[in-house]
Amino acid sequence: MEKHVNLIKLSVGTEGVDDLLAWQATPRAQTKDGLPRHVTRMWPKREPEILNGGSIYWVVKGLIQCRQRVLRLDEQTGADGIRRCAIVLDPDLIRTQSSLRRPFQGWRYLNPADAPPDLPIGREDEEPLPVDLSRALAEIGIL
């Protein structure tokens, strides 16, 4: 069985997971078939591994807070004629345990062993902790 690899990306401008969901519900952030997407300049070289069960882990306010399964990579050409990659995502967003991350540009690969676990069944709908509290707990290794 082939292994998979994940992506990790900052969700710039969002205050929480609900903001990310609201953005993905806009027509600008969706494919023609209504799926959420994230458009990026670079095409992942590890495409087969990503499409073999990989997810994109979203960093919101310095913490990984959720993930979405990557369904496909679509080629998209901008108005400037430049080829870009639309990372097409499963609309189901899965909340994860919070994990502290420093800022970075673009996206990065994230090995499954380094990814935070999903929240346990029954906790995924809990009200998230305030970002400052989550960050403080992650810094001391509790979250």
Protein backbone atom coordinates (compact mmCIF):
# COMPACT_ATOMS: atom_id res chain seq x y z
CA MET A 1 0.00 0.00 0.00
CA GLU A 2 1.36 3.41 -0.95
CA LYS A 3 1.71 5.94 1.79
CA HIS A 4 0.21 9.40 1.69
CA VAL A 5 1.49 12.84 2.56
CA ASN A 6 -0.43 15.88 3.76
CA LEU A 7 -0.15 19.58 3.12
CA ILE A 8 -0.12 22.33 5.71
CA LYS A 9 -1.23 25.89 4.95
CA LEU A 10 -1.86 29.12 6.84
CA SER A 11 -5.45 30.31 6.67
CA VAL A 12 -4.59 33.98 6.33
CA GLY A 13 -7.17 36.51 7.48
CA THR A 14 -9.40 34.06 9.33
CA GLU A 15 -10.12 34.42 13.02
CA GLY A 16 -11.33 30.86 13.47
CA VAL A 17 -12.52 27.71 11.78
CA ASP A 18 -15.96 29.23 11.19
CA ASP A 19 -14.35 32.05 9.16
CA LEU A 20 -12.59 29.45 7.01
CA LEU A 21 -15.90 27.67 6.41
CA ALA A 22 -17.61 30.96 5.54
CA TRP A 23 -14.89 31.80 3.00
CA GLN A 24 -15.12 28.36 1.42
CA ALA A 25 -18.89 28.82 1.02
CA THR A 26 -18.35 31.80 -1.32
CA PRO A 27 -18.48 31.20 -5.09
CA ARG A 28 -14.96 32.64 -5.48
CA ALA A 29 -13.54 29.87 -3.29
CA GLN A 30 -15.35 27.03 -5.05
CA THR A 31 -14.93 24.92 -8.15
CA LYS A 32 -17.61 24.83 -10.83
CA ASP A 33 -18.98 21.68 -9.17
CA GLY A 34 -19.34 23.53 -5.84
CA LEU A 35 -16.37 22.06 -3.94
CA PRO A 36 -14.07 24.26 -1.86
CA ARG A 37 -10.65 24.93 -3.34
CA HIS A 38 -7.45 26.73 -2.54
CA VAL A 39 -5.51 28.16 -5.49
CA THR A 40 -1.73 28.24 -5.25
CA ARG A 41 1.13 29.12 -7.59
CA MET A 42 3.12 25.95 -7.12
CA TRP A 43 2.04 22.48 -8.23
CA PRO A 44 2.92 19.82 -5.61
CA LYS A 45 5.61 17.46 -6.89
CA ARG A 46 4.27 14.75 -4.59
CA GLU A 47 0.82 14.76 -6.19
CA PRO A 48 0.31 10.94 -6.16
CA GLU A 49 1.03 10.78 -2.41
CA ILE A 50 -1.30 13.70 -1.68
CA LEU A 51 -4.12 12.13 -3.69
CA ASN A 52 -3.61 8.80 -1.91
CA GLY A 53 -5.49 9.97 1.20
CA GLY A 54 -3.75 13.22 2.08
CA SER A 55 -5.36 16.22 3.73
CA ILE A 56 -4.62 19.92 3.98
CA TYR A 57 -4.10 20.97 7.60
CA TRP A 58 -5.16 24.55 8.24
CA VAL A 59 -3.20 26.82 10.58
CA VAL A 60 -5.52 29.44 12.05
CA LYS A 61 -4.04 32.10 14.34
CA GLY A 62 -0.82 30.13 14.84
CA LEU A 63 -2.47 26.78 15.58
CA ILE A 64 -3.37 23.82 13.41
CA GLN A 65 -7.09 23.57 14.14
CA CYS A 66 -8.61 21.49 11.36
CA ARG A 67 -8.05 19.54 8.17
CA GLN A 68 -9.80 18.70 4.92
CA ARG A 69 -9.16 15.74 2.65
CA VAL A 70 -7.65 16.65 -0.72
CA LEU A 71 -9.86 15.29 -3.50
CA ARG A 72 -7.95 16.38 -6.59
CA LEU A 73 -5.61 18.97 -8.08
CA ASP A 74 -7.06 21.03 -10.93
CA GLU A 75 -5.08 23.11 -13.36
CA GLN A 76 -6.23 26.72 -13.43
CA THR A 77 -4.89 29.48 -15.63
CA GLY A 78 -5.20 32.98 -14.25
CA ALA A 79 -6.10 36.14 -16.15
CA ASP A 80 -2.34 36.74 -16.37
CA GLY A 81 -1.90 33.47 -18.32
CA ILE A 82 0.03 31.79 -15.50
CA ARG A 83 -0.75 28.14 -14.70
CA ARG A 84 -1.78 27.57 -11.09
CA CYS A 85 -2.90 24.63 -8.97
CA ALA A 86 -6.38 24.54 -7.46
CA ILE A 87 -6.31 22.18 -4.48
CA VAL A 88 -9.86 20.82 -4.44
CA LEU A 89 -11.08 19.84 -0.98
CA ASP A 90 -13.71 17.69 0.64
CA PRO A 91 -16.35 20.08 2.03
CA ASP A 92 -16.31 18.17 5.34
CA LEU A 93 -13.93 19.95 7.68
CA ILE A 94 -12.46 17.78 10.46
CA ARG A 95 -11.34 19.51 13.63
CA THR A 96 -8.02 18.42 15.05
CA GLN A 97 -6.28 18.80 18.35
CA SER A 98 -4.61 22.19 18.40
CA SER A 99 -0.94 22.20 17.48
CA LEU A 100 1.28 25.27 17.60
CA ARG A 101 2.88 26.36 14.28
CA ARG A 102 5.14 29.25 13.41
CA PRO A 103 4.22 31.40 10.40
CA PHE A 104 5.50 30.32 6.98
CA GLN A 105 4.77 31.22 3.38
CA GLY A 106 2.92 29.07 0.90
CA TRP A 107 2.20 25.46 1.76
CA ARG A 108 4.46 22.73 3.07
CA TYR A 109 4.35 18.95 3.12
CA LEU A 110 3.30 17.39 6.42
CA ASN A 111 4.09 13.75 7.13
CA PRO A 112 1.25 11.80 8.75
CA ALA A 113 3.43 11.07 11.81
CA ASP A 114 3.79 14.83 12.41
CA ALA A 115 0.10 15.68 11.95
CA PRO A 116 -2.05 16.34 15.02
CA PRO A 117 -4.76 13.76 15.67
CA ASP A 118 -8.41 14.42 14.90
CA LEU A 119 -10.55 15.36 17.86
CA PRO A 120 -12.14 12.26 19.42
CA ILE A 121 -15.69 11.34 18.38
CA GLY A 122 -18.13 13.45 20.34
CA ARG A 123 -15.70 16.35 20.81
CA GLU A 124 -15.62 17.60 17.22
CA ASP A 125 -18.67 19.84 17.80
CA GLU A 126 -17.45 21.28 21.10
CA GLU A 127 -16.94 25.00 21.25
CA PRO A 128 -13.22 25.56 20.59
CA LEU A 129 -11.04 27.07 23.26
CA PRO A 130 -10.15 30.74 22.79
CA VAL A 131 -7.11 31.03 20.52
CA ASP A 132 -4.90 32.64 23.19
CA LEU A 133 -5.70 29.84 25.65
CA SER A 134 -5.11 27.14 23.01
CA ARG A 135 -1.78 28.73 22.12
CA ALA A 136 -0.70 28.93 25.76
CA LEU A 137 -1.65 25.28 26.38
CA ALA A 138 0.13 24.16 23.19
CA GLU A 139 3.28 26.06 24.22
CA ILE A 140 3.50 24.08 27.45
CA GLY A 141 2.66 20.81 25.71
CA ILE A 142 -0.84 20.21 27.06
CA LEU A 143 -2.65 20.45 23.70
